Amino acid sequence: MSTNSTVRDVTFSKPTVNDGAAMWKLVNSTSLDQNSSYKYLMMCEFFGETCVAAKEQDRLVGFITAFIPPKQEDTIFIWQVGVDPSQRGKGVASKMMNELLSREACRNVRFLEATVTPSNGASEALFRGLARDFSTSCVVSTCFPAELFPEDDHESELTFRVGPMTEKRNGGI
């Protein structure tokens, strides 16, 4: 596989359970929080409409796991965004976001939320860039302070709330 590929070589689709193991393996090659392999299978099976698989020649090179909270039907919550190290800096994460927001499952979505640790500059840039692209705001607040986590070294989780998103852009909402 060429390391000189572009985002044009990447396809975006709804993941299936057959993608779950590859999602889990991709997380193992990154600094993302590791969840059980079962979590990825469940996200693909039960939340596939609000998740994205990015593939290059049938190899998973990125994914988004997300869901619409039952009490916030106008909000999509992004659980994880994973991008293979070989694809970083090519716009794969942004393209996955646009794919997700363009889906029928997100037709009523006006806000996007995610939690991000203070040291995760890539995610912060992704969500602030999304707000800029949609000409809307990105409000940051504390969701889970560090002292709530049982591990001593877990950072606080900050909520990034992007929206309202009301106009269509690049096939998005």
N, C-alpha and C. Protein backbone atom coordinates (compact mmCIF):
# COMPACT_ATOMS: atom_id res chain seq x y z
N MET A 1 0.84 -1.18 0.00
CA MET A 1 0.00 0.00 0.00
C MET A 1 0.89 1.24 0.00
N SER A 2 0.56 2.15 -0.84
CA SER A 2 1.34 3.38 -0.98
C SER A 2 1.13 4.30 0.21
N THR A 3 2.21 4.86 0.72
CA THR A 3 2.08 5.85 1.78
C THR A 3 1.85 7.24 1.21
N ASN A 4 1.86 7.37 -0.11
CA ASN A 4 1.63 8.65 -0.76
C ASN A 4 0.19 8.83 -1.21
N SER A 5 -0.71 8.00 -0.73
CA SER A 5 -2.11 8.10 -1.13
C SER A 5 -2.72 9.40 -0.62
N THR A 6 -3.81 9.79 -1.26
CA THR A 6 -4.53 10.99 -0.85
C THR A 6 -5.89 10.60 -0.33
N VAL A 7 -6.62 11.56 0.22
CA VAL A 7 -7.95 11.28 0.72
C VAL A 7 -8.88 10.85 -0.42
N ARG A 8 -8.53 11.17 -1.68
CA ARG A 8 -9.34 10.73 -2.83
C ARG A 8 -9.37 9.22 -2.93
N ASP A 9 -8.38 8.54 -2.39
CA ASP A 9 -8.31 7.08 -2.45
C ASP A 9 -9.10 6.41 -1.33
N VAL A 10 -9.67 7.21 -0.44
CA VAL A 10 -10.38 6.69 0.72
C VAL A 10 -11.88 6.77 0.48
N THR A 11 -12.58 5.67 0.80
CA THR A 11 -14.03 5.64 0.69
C THR A 11 -14.63 5.68 2.09
N PHE A 12 -15.85 6.21 2.19
CA PHE A 12 -16.52 6.39 3.48
C PHE A 12 -17.85 5.68 3.43
N SER A 13 -18.14 4.90 4.49
CA SER A 13 -19.38 4.14 4.52
C SER A 13 -19.81 3.89 5.97
N LYS A 14 -20.98 3.28 6.10
CA LYS A 14 -21.44 2.84 7.41
C LYS A 14 -20.68 1.56 7.75
N PRO A 15 -20.15 1.45 8.95
CA PRO A 15 -19.41 0.24 9.29
C PRO A 15 -20.36 -0.94 9.53
N THR A 16 -19.84 -2.12 9.34
CA THR A 16 -20.56 -3.35 9.68
C THR A 16 -19.78 -4.05 10.79
N VAL A 17 -20.36 -5.09 11.35
CA VAL A 17 -19.65 -5.82 12.42
C VAL A 17 -18.31 -6.36 11.93
N ASN A 18 -18.18 -6.56 10.63
CA ASN A 18 -16.90 -7.03 10.09
C ASN A 18 -15.80 -5.98 10.22
N ASP A 19 -16.17 -4.72 10.48
CA ASP A 19 -15.19 -3.65 10.67
C ASP A 19 -14.77 -3.50 12.14
N GLY A 20 -15.53 -4.08 13.06
CA GLY A 20 -15.28 -3.88 14.49
C GLY A 20 -13.88 -4.24 14.94
N ALA A 21 -13.39 -5.38 14.51
CA ALA A 21 -12.04 -5.81 14.93
C ALA A 21 -10.97 -4.86 14.40
N ALA A 22 -11.14 -4.40 13.16
CA ALA A 22 -10.17 -3.46 12.58
C ALA A 22 -10.20 -2.13 13.32
N MET A 23 -11.39 -1.69 13.76
CA MET A 23 -11.48 -0.45 14.54
C MET A 23 -10.70 -0.61 15.84
N TRP A 24 -10.91 -1.72 16.51
CA TRP A 24 -10.23 -2.00 17.77
C TRP A 24 -8.71 -2.03 17.56
N LYS A 25 -8.26 -2.68 16.49
CA LYS A 25 -6.83 -2.75 16.20
C LYS A 25 -6.25 -1.37 15.88
N LEU A 26 -7.02 -0.56 15.15
CA LEU A 26 -6.54 0.78 14.83
C LEU A 26 -6.33 1.58 16.11
N VAL A 27 -7.26 1.47 17.05
CA VAL A 27 -7.13 2.18 18.33
C VAL A 27 -5.85 1.76 19.04
N ASN A 28 -5.51 0.48 18.95
CA ASN A 28 -4.28 -0.02 19.58
C ASN A 28 -3.03 0.62 18.99
N SER A 29 -3.12 1.15 17.77
CA SER A 29 -1.95 1.77 17.14
C SER A 29 -1.93 3.29 17.32
N THR A 30 -2.83 3.80 18.16
CA THR A 30 -2.93 5.25 18.38
C THR A 30 -2.89 5.55 19.87
N SER A 31 -3.05 6.81 20.21
CA SER A 31 -3.09 7.22 21.61
C SER A 31 -4.52 7.31 22.14
N LEU A 32 -5.50 6.84 21.36
CA LEU A 32 -6.89 6.88 21.82
C LEU A 32 -7.11 5.96 23.02
N ASP A 33 -8.13 6.28 23.81
CA ASP A 33 -8.50 5.40 24.92
C ASP A 33 -8.97 4.07 24.35
N GLN A 34 -8.43 2.98 24.89
CA GLN A 34 -8.78 1.64 24.43
C GLN A 34 -10.08 1.19 25.08
N ASN A 35 -11.04 0.82 24.28
CA ASN A 35 -12.27 0.21 24.75
C ASN A 35 -12.20 -1.27 24.42
N SER A 36 -13.13 -2.05 24.91
CA SER A 36 -13.13 -3.47 24.59
C SER A 36 -13.49 -3.67 23.13
N SER A 37 -13.08 -4.80 22.57
CA SER A 37 -13.44 -5.11 21.18
C SER A 37 -14.95 -5.21 21.04
N TYR A 38 -15.62 -5.61 22.10
CA TYR A 38 -17.07 -5.71 22.11
C TYR A 38 -17.72 -4.36 21.85
N LYS A 39 -17.16 -3.29 22.39
CA LYS A 39 -17.71 -1.94 22.18
C LYS A 39 -17.76 -1.60 20.70
N TYR A 40 -16.70 -1.92 19.97
CA TYR A 40 -16.65 -1.60 18.54
C TYR A 40 -17.65 -2.44 17.75
N LEU A 41 -17.79 -3.70 18.13
CA LEU A 41 -18.80 -4.54 17.48
C LEU A 41 -20.20 -4.00 17.75
N MET A 42 -20.46 -3.59 18.99
CA MET A 42 -21.78 -3.04 19.33
C MET A 42 -22.05 -1.74 18.58
N MET A 43 -21.07 -0.87 18.48
CA MET A 43 -21.26 0.39 17.78
C MET A 43 -21.60 0.12 16.31
N CYS A 44 -20.90 -0.83 15.69
CA CYS A 44 -21.17 -1.15 14.29
C CYS A 44 -22.57 -1.77 14.13
N GLU A 45 -22.94 -2.64 15.02
CA GLU A 45 -24.23 -3.34 14.91
C GLU A 45 -25.42 -2.45 15.24
N PHE A 46 -25.33 -1.70 16.33
CA PHE A 46 -26.50 -0.97 16.83
C PHE A 46 -26.49 0.53 16.50
N PHE A 47 -25.33 1.08 16.16
CA PHE A 47 -25.23 2.50 15.87
C PHE A 47 -24.55 2.77 14.53
N GLY A 48 -24.61 1.83 13.63
CA GLY A 48 -23.95 1.96 12.33
C GLY A 48 -24.40 3.18 11.54
N GLU A 49 -25.65 3.58 11.71
CA GLU A 49 -26.16 4.75 10.99
C GLU A 49 -25.45 6.04 11.41
N THR A 50 -24.89 6.04 12.62
CA THR A 50 -24.21 7.24 13.13
C THR A 50 -22.71 6.99 13.35
N CYS A 51 -22.18 6.01 12.66
CA CYS A 51 -20.74 5.73 12.70
C CYS A 51 -20.23 5.75 11.26
N VAL A 52 -18.92 5.92 11.11
CA VAL A 52 -18.32 6.00 9.78
C VAL A 52 -17.08 5.10 9.75
N ALA A 53 -16.93 4.39 8.64
CA ALA A 53 -15.71 3.63 8.36
C ALA A 53 -15.04 4.26 7.15
N ALA A 54 -13.76 4.56 7.26
CA ALA A 54 -12.98 5.08 6.14
C ALA A 54 -12.03 3.97 5.71
N LYS A 55 -12.07 3.65 4.42
CA LYS A 55 -11.25 2.54 3.92
C LYS A 55 -10.46 2.95 2.69
N GLU A 56 -9.27 2.39 2.63
CA GLU A 56 -8.43 2.53 1.45
C GLU A 56 -8.16 1.12 0.95
N GLN A 57 -8.66 0.82 -0.23
CA GLN A 57 -8.52 -0.53 -0.80
C GLN A 57 -8.97 -1.59 0.21
N ASP A 58 -10.12 -1.41 0.78
CA ASP A 58 -10.75 -2.33 1.73
C ASP A 58 -10.04 -2.44 3.08
N ARG A 59 -9.03 -1.61 3.33
CA ARG A 59 -8.34 -1.60 4.62
C ARG A 59 -8.86 -0.41 5.42
N LEU A 60 -9.32 -0.68 6.65
CA LEU A 60 -9.82 0.40 7.50
C LEU A 60 -8.67 1.34 7.85
N VAL A 61 -8.85 2.63 7.53
CA VAL A 61 -7.83 3.63 7.82
C VAL A 61 -8.37 4.75 8.71
N GLY A 62 -9.64 4.64 9.08
CA GLY A 62 -10.24 5.63 9.96
C GLY A 62 -11.65 5.23 10.33
N PHE A 63 -12.13 5.81 11.42
CA PHE A 63 -13.50 5.55 11.82
C PHE A 63 -13.99 6.64 12.76
N ILE A 64 -15.29 6.76 12.83
CA ILE A 64 -15.96 7.57 13.85
C ILE A 64 -16.99 6.67 14.50
N THR A 65 -17.00 6.67 15.83
CA THR A 65 -18.12 6.05 16.55
C THR A 65 -18.89 7.20 17.19
N ALA A 66 -20.20 7.18 16.99
CA ALA A 66 -21.04 8.27 17.46
C ALA A 66 -22.46 7.77 17.67
N PHE A 67 -23.25 8.57 18.38
CA PHE A 67 -24.66 8.23 18.59
C PHE A 67 -25.44 9.51 18.88
N ILE A 68 -26.74 9.43 18.74
CA ILE A 68 -27.63 10.53 19.08
C ILE A 68 -28.22 10.22 20.44
N PRO A 69 -27.90 11.02 21.47
CA PRO A 69 -28.41 10.74 22.81
C PRO A 69 -29.95 10.79 22.83
N PRO A 70 -30.59 9.85 23.50
CA PRO A 70 -32.06 9.78 23.51
C PRO A 70 -32.74 11.08 23.97
N LYS A 71 -32.14 11.81 24.86
CA LYS A 71 -32.77 13.04 25.36
C LYS A 71 -32.26 14.29 24.66
N GLN A 72 -31.46 14.11 23.61
CA GLN A 72 -30.92 15.23 22.83
C GLN A 72 -30.98 14.88 21.35
N GLU A 73 -32.16 14.78 20.80
CA GLU A 73 -32.31 14.32 19.43
C GLU A 73 -31.75 15.27 18.38
N ASP A 74 -31.37 16.49 18.79
CA ASP A 74 -30.77 17.43 17.85
C ASP A 74 -29.25 17.46 17.97
N THR A 75 -28.69 16.45 18.67
CA THR A 75 -27.25 16.43 18.94
C THR A 75 -26.67 15.07 18.56
N ILE A 76 -25.52 15.10 17.89
CA ILE A 76 -24.76 13.88 17.65
C ILE A 76 -23.56 13.92 18.59
N PHE A 77 -23.36 12.86 19.36
CA PHE A 77 -22.22 12.78 20.28
C PHE A 77 -21.16 11.90 19.63
N ILE A 78 -19.99 12.48 19.44
CA ILE A 78 -18.87 11.76 18.85
C ILE A 78 -18.09 11.08 19.98
N TRP A 79 -18.09 9.76 19.99
CA TRP A 79 -17.40 9.01 21.04
C TRP A 79 -15.90 8.94 20.71
N GLN A 80 -15.57 8.51 19.48
CA GLN A 80 -14.17 8.41 19.10
C GLN A 80 -14.00 8.72 17.62
N VAL A 81 -12.89 9.34 17.31
CA VAL A 81 -12.44 9.54 15.94
C VAL A 81 -11.06 8.92 15.87
N GLY A 82 -10.92 7.91 15.05
CA GLY A 82 -9.63 7.25 14.89
C GLY A 82 -9.14 7.35 13.46
N VAL A 83 -7.88 7.72 13.29
CA VAL A 83 -7.29 7.81 11.96
C VAL A 83 -5.94 7.10 12.01
N ASP A 84 -5.74 6.20 11.07
CA ASP A 84 -4.48 5.47 10.97
C ASP A 84 -3.34 6.48 10.81
N PRO A 85 -2.21 6.24 11.48
CA PRO A 85 -1.08 7.17 11.37
C PRO A 85 -0.68 7.47 9.93
N SER A 86 -0.86 6.53 9.01
CA SER A 86 -0.49 6.74 7.61
C SER A 86 -1.40 7.75 6.91
N GLN A 87 -2.54 8.07 7.50
CA GLN A 87 -3.52 8.96 6.87
C GLN A 87 -3.61 10.33 7.53
N ARG A 88 -2.85 10.55 8.58
CA ARG A 88 -2.95 11.82 9.30
C ARG A 88 -2.50 12.99 8.43
N GLY A 89 -3.19 14.11 8.60
CA GLY A 89 -2.86 15.32 7.86
C GLY A 89 -3.44 15.37 6.47
N LYS A 90 -4.28 14.41 6.11
CA LYS A 90 -4.87 14.35 4.77
C LYS A 90 -6.34 14.76 4.75
N GLY A 91 -6.88 15.16 5.90
CA GLY A 91 -8.28 15.57 5.94
C GLY A 91 -9.28 14.43 6.11
N VAL A 92 -8.80 13.24 6.45
CA VAL A 92 -9.70 12.09 6.60
C VAL A 92 -10.74 12.32 7.69
N ALA A 93 -10.32 12.85 8.83
CA ALA A 93 -11.26 13.08 9.94
C ALA A 93 -12.36 14.07 9.53
N SER A 94 -11.99 15.15 8.86
CA SER A 94 -12.98 16.13 8.41
C SER A 94 -13.94 15.52 7.39
N LYS A 95 -13.41 14.73 6.48
CA LYS A 95 -14.27 14.07 5.48
C LYS A 95 -15.23 13.10 6.16
N MET A 96 -14.75 12.39 7.18
CA MET A 96 -15.65 11.48 7.91
C MET A 96 -16.76 12.26 8.60
N MET A 97 -16.42 13.41 9.19
CA MET A 97 -17.43 14.25 9.83
C MET A 97 -18.50 14.68 8.83
N ASN A 98 -18.07 15.13 7.65
CA ASN A 98 -19.02 15.55 6.63
C ASN A 98 -19.89 14.38 6.16
N GLU A 99 -19.28 13.20 6.01
CA GLU A 99 -20.05 12.00 5.65
C GLU A 99 -21.13 11.74 6.70
N LEU A 100 -20.74 11.78 7.96
CA LEU A 100 -21.69 11.52 9.05
C LEU A 100 -22.82 12.54 9.05
N LEU A 101 -22.48 13.81 8.98
CA LEU A 101 -23.50 14.86 9.07
C LEU A 101 -24.42 14.90 7.86
N SER A 102 -24.01 14.29 6.74
CA SER A 102 -24.85 14.29 5.54
C SER A 102 -25.89 13.17 5.55
N ARG A 103 -25.82 12.28 6.50
CA ARG A 103 -26.72 11.12 6.53
C ARG A 103 -28.12 11.46 6.99
N GLU A 104 -29.05 10.66 6.52
CA GLU A 104 -30.46 10.81 6.92
C GLU A 104 -30.61 10.71 8.44
N ALA A 105 -29.82 9.86 9.07
CA ALA A 105 -29.91 9.70 10.53
C ALA A 105 -29.60 11.00 11.26
N CYS A 106 -28.88 11.91 10.61
CA CYS A 106 -28.50 13.19 11.23
C CYS A 106 -29.33 14.37 10.71
N ARG A 107 -30.44 14.09 10.06
CA ARG A 107 -31.24 15.18 9.45
C ARG A 107 -31.71 16.20 10.46
N ASN A 108 -31.93 15.81 11.72
CA ASN A 108 -32.39 16.74 12.75
C ASN A 108 -31.26 17.26 13.64
N VAL A 109 -30.04 16.89 13.34
CA VAL A 109 -28.89 17.30 14.15
C VAL A 109 -28.57 18.77 13.89
N ARG A 110 -28.48 19.51 14.98
CA ARG A 110 -28.08 20.92 14.90
C ARG A 110 -26.81 21.18 15.71
N PHE A 111 -26.46 20.21 16.57
CA PHE A 111 -25.28 20.35 17.42
C PHE A 111 -24.46 19.06 17.36
N LEU A 112 -23.16 19.23 17.50
CA LEU A 112 -22.24 18.11 17.59
C LEU A 112 -21.48 18.28 18.89
N GLU A 113 -21.39 17.21 19.66
CA GLU A 113 -20.64 17.25 20.92
C GLU A 113 -19.62 16.13 20.96
N ALA A 114 -18.55 16.39 21.66
CA ALA A 114 -17.51 15.40 21.91
C ALA A 114 -16.78 15.80 23.17
N THR A 115 -16.20 14.83 23.85
CA THR A 115 -15.33 15.17 24.97
C THR A 115 -13.89 14.98 24.51
N VAL A 116 -13.05 15.91 24.96
CA VAL A 116 -11.66 15.96 24.52
C VAL A 116 -10.80 16.30 25.74
N THR A 117 -9.68 15.61 25.88
CA THR A 117 -8.75 15.96 26.95
C THR A 117 -7.95 17.20 26.54
N PRO A 118 -7.51 17.99 27.51
CA PRO A 118 -6.77 19.22 27.19
C PRO A 118 -5.51 18.99 26.35
N SER A 119 -4.89 17.83 26.44
CA SER A 119 -3.66 17.58 25.68
C SER A 119 -3.92 17.10 24.25
N ASN A 120 -5.17 16.89 23.87
CA ASN A 120 -5.49 16.36 22.55
C ASN A 120 -5.71 17.49 21.56
N GLY A 121 -4.60 18.06 21.11
CA GLY A 121 -4.65 19.19 20.18
C GLY A 121 -5.29 18.85 18.85
N ALA A 122 -5.10 17.62 18.36
CA ALA A 122 -5.67 17.24 17.07
C ALA A 122 -7.20 17.27 17.11
N SER A 123 -7.78 16.73 18.17
CA SER A 123 -9.24 16.74 18.28
C SER A 123 -9.77 18.16 18.48
N GLU A 124 -9.07 18.93 19.29
CA GLU A 124 -9.49 20.32 19.48
C GLU A 124 -9.50 21.05 18.14
N ALA A 125 -8.46 20.86 17.34
CA ALA A 125 -8.40 21.51 16.03
C ALA A 125 -9.51 21.02 15.11
N LEU A 126 -9.82 19.73 15.17
CA LEU A 126 -10.88 19.16 14.34
C LEU A 126 -12.23 19.82 14.65
N PHE A 127 -12.58 19.91 15.93
CA PHE A 127 -13.89 20.45 16.29
C PHE A 127 -13.96 21.96 16.12
N ARG A 128 -12.88 22.66 16.41
CA ARG A 128 -12.86 24.11 16.16
C ARG A 128 -12.92 24.40 14.65
N GLY A 129 -12.26 23.56 13.86
CA GLY A 129 -12.31 23.71 12.41
C GLY A 129 -13.71 23.44 11.87
N LEU A 130 -14.38 22.46 12.43
CA LEU A 130 -15.75 22.17 12.02
C LEU A 130 -16.65 23.37 12.30
N ALA A 131 -16.50 23.96 13.47
CA ALA A 131 -17.29 25.16 13.81
C ALA A 131 -16.99 26.28 12.82
N ARG A 132 -15.74 26.47 12.50
CA ARG A 132 -15.35 27.51 11.54
C ARG A 132 -15.96 27.22 10.16
N ASP A 133 -15.90 25.97 9.72
CA ASP A 133 -16.44 25.59 8.41
C ASP A 133 -17.95 25.81 8.33
N PHE A 134 -18.64 25.63 9.45
CA PHE A 134 -20.09 25.82 9.48
C PHE A 134 -20.48 27.22 9.95
N SER A 135 -19.49 28.08 10.12
CA SER A 135 -19.74 29.47 10.58
C SER A 135 -20.62 29.49 11.83
N THR A 136 -20.22 28.69 12.80
CA THR A 136 -20.96 28.61 14.05
C THR A 136 -19.98 28.60 15.21
N SER A 137 -20.49 28.42 16.40
CA SER A 137 -19.63 28.49 17.58
C SER A 137 -19.17 27.10 18.04
N CYS A 138 -18.11 27.13 18.81
CA CYS A 138 -17.60 25.95 19.49
C CYS A 138 -17.43 26.35 20.95
N VAL A 139 -18.32 25.86 21.79
CA VAL A 139 -18.31 26.19 23.21
C VAL A 139 -17.66 25.03 23.96
N VAL A 140 -16.69 25.36 24.79
CA VAL A 140 -15.96 24.35 25.55
C VAL A 140 -16.29 24.49 27.03
N SER A 141 -16.63 23.38 27.67
CA SER A 141 -16.93 23.37 29.10
C SER A 141 -16.41 22.07 29.69
N THR A 142 -16.26 22.04 31.00
CA THR A 142 -15.80 20.81 31.66
C THR A 142 -16.95 19.82 31.74
N CYS A 143 -16.70 18.61 31.29
CA CYS A 143 -17.70 17.54 31.38
C CYS A 143 -17.40 16.65 32.58
N PHE A 144 -16.23 16.05 32.57
CA PHE A 144 -15.81 15.17 33.66
C PHE A 144 -14.45 15.64 34.18
N PRO A 145 -14.42 16.25 35.36
CA PRO A 145 -13.12 16.66 35.91
C PRO A 145 -12.24 15.45 36.22
N ALA A 146 -10.93 15.66 36.20
CA ALA A 146 -9.96 14.58 36.39
C ALA A 146 -10.20 13.78 37.66
N GLU A 147 -10.66 14.45 38.72
CA GLU A 147 -10.82 13.73 39.99
C GLU A 147 -11.93 12.67 39.97
N LEU A 148 -12.78 12.67 38.95
CA LEU A 148 -13.82 11.64 38.84
C LEU A 148 -13.27 10.30 38.35
N PHE A 149 -12.11 10.33 37.69
CA PHE A 149 -11.55 9.11 37.12
C PHE A 149 -10.75 8.34 38.16
N PRO A 150 -10.86 6.99 38.15
CA PRO A 150 -10.12 6.20 39.14
C PRO A 150 -8.61 6.20 38.91
N GLU A 151 -8.17 6.45 37.66
CA GLU A 151 -6.74 6.50 37.39
C GLU A 151 -6.20 7.87 37.79
N ASP A 152 -5.02 7.88 38.35
CA ASP A 152 -4.41 9.14 38.78
C ASP A 152 -3.98 10.02 37.61
N ASP A 153 -3.73 9.41 36.46
CA ASP A 153 -3.17 10.19 35.36
C ASP A 153 -4.19 10.56 34.28
N HIS A 154 -5.48 10.35 34.53
CA HIS A 154 -6.49 10.69 33.52
C HIS A 154 -6.81 12.17 33.58
N GLU A 155 -6.71 12.83 32.43
CA GLU A 155 -7.02 14.25 32.36
C GLU A 155 -8.52 14.48 32.43
N SER A 156 -8.90 15.71 32.69
CA SER A 156 -10.31 16.09 32.61
C SER A 156 -10.78 15.88 31.18
N GLU A 157 -12.07 15.64 31.03
CA GLU A 157 -12.69 15.56 29.71
C GLU A 157 -13.51 16.83 29.52
N LEU A 158 -13.18 17.58 28.49
CA LEU A 158 -13.88 18.83 28.18
C LEU A 158 -14.90 18.58 27.08
N THR A 159 -16.10 19.11 27.23
CA THR A 159 -17.10 19.01 26.18
C THR A 159 -16.87 20.11 25.15
N PHE A 160 -16.77 19.72 23.91
CA PHE A 160 -16.74 20.65 22.78
C PHE A 160 -18.13 20.56 22.15
N ARG A 161 -18.87 21.66 22.17
CA ARG A 161 -20.21 21.70 21.59
C ARG A 161 -20.19 22.64 20.39
N VAL A 162 -20.39 22.08 19.21
CA VAL A 162 -20.36 22.83 17.96
C VAL A 162 -21.79 23.03 17.49
N GLY A 163 -22.14 24.28 17.20
CA GLY A 163 -23.48 24.54 16.67
C GLY A 163 -24.02 25.87 17.14
N PRO A 164 -25.19 26.20 16.69
CA PRO A 164 -26.05 25.38 15.83
C PRO A 164 -25.54 25.35 14.39
N MET A 165 -25.73 24.20 13.77
CA MET A 165 -25.36 24.02 12.37
C MET A 165 -26.66 24.01 11.58
N THR A 166 -26.83 25.01 10.74
CA THR A 166 -28.12 25.15 10.04
C THR A 166 -28.01 25.12 8.53
N GLU A 167 -26.83 25.33 7.98
CA GLU A 167 -26.72 25.37 6.52
C GLU A 167 -25.94 24.19 6.01
N LYS A 168 -26.23 23.82 4.78
CA LYS A 168 -25.54 22.70 4.17
C LYS A 168 -24.17 23.14 3.67
N ARG A 169 -23.19 22.23 3.76
CA ARG A 169 -21.86 22.50 3.27
C ARG A 169 -21.23 21.19 2.81
N ASN A 170 -20.72 21.16 1.63
CA ASN A 170 -20.02 19.97 1.11
C ASN A 170 -20.78 18.68 1.34
N GLY A 171 -22.08 18.69 1.14
CA GLY A 171 -22.87 17.48 1.35
C GLY A 171 -23.22 17.25 2.80
N GLY A 172 -22.79 18.15 3.70
CA GLY A 172 -23.12 18.01 5.12
C GLY A 172 -24.56 18.45 5.37
N ILE A 173 -24.88 18.71 6.60
CA ILE A 173 -26.26 19.03 6.97
C ILE A 173 -26.81 20.23 6.27
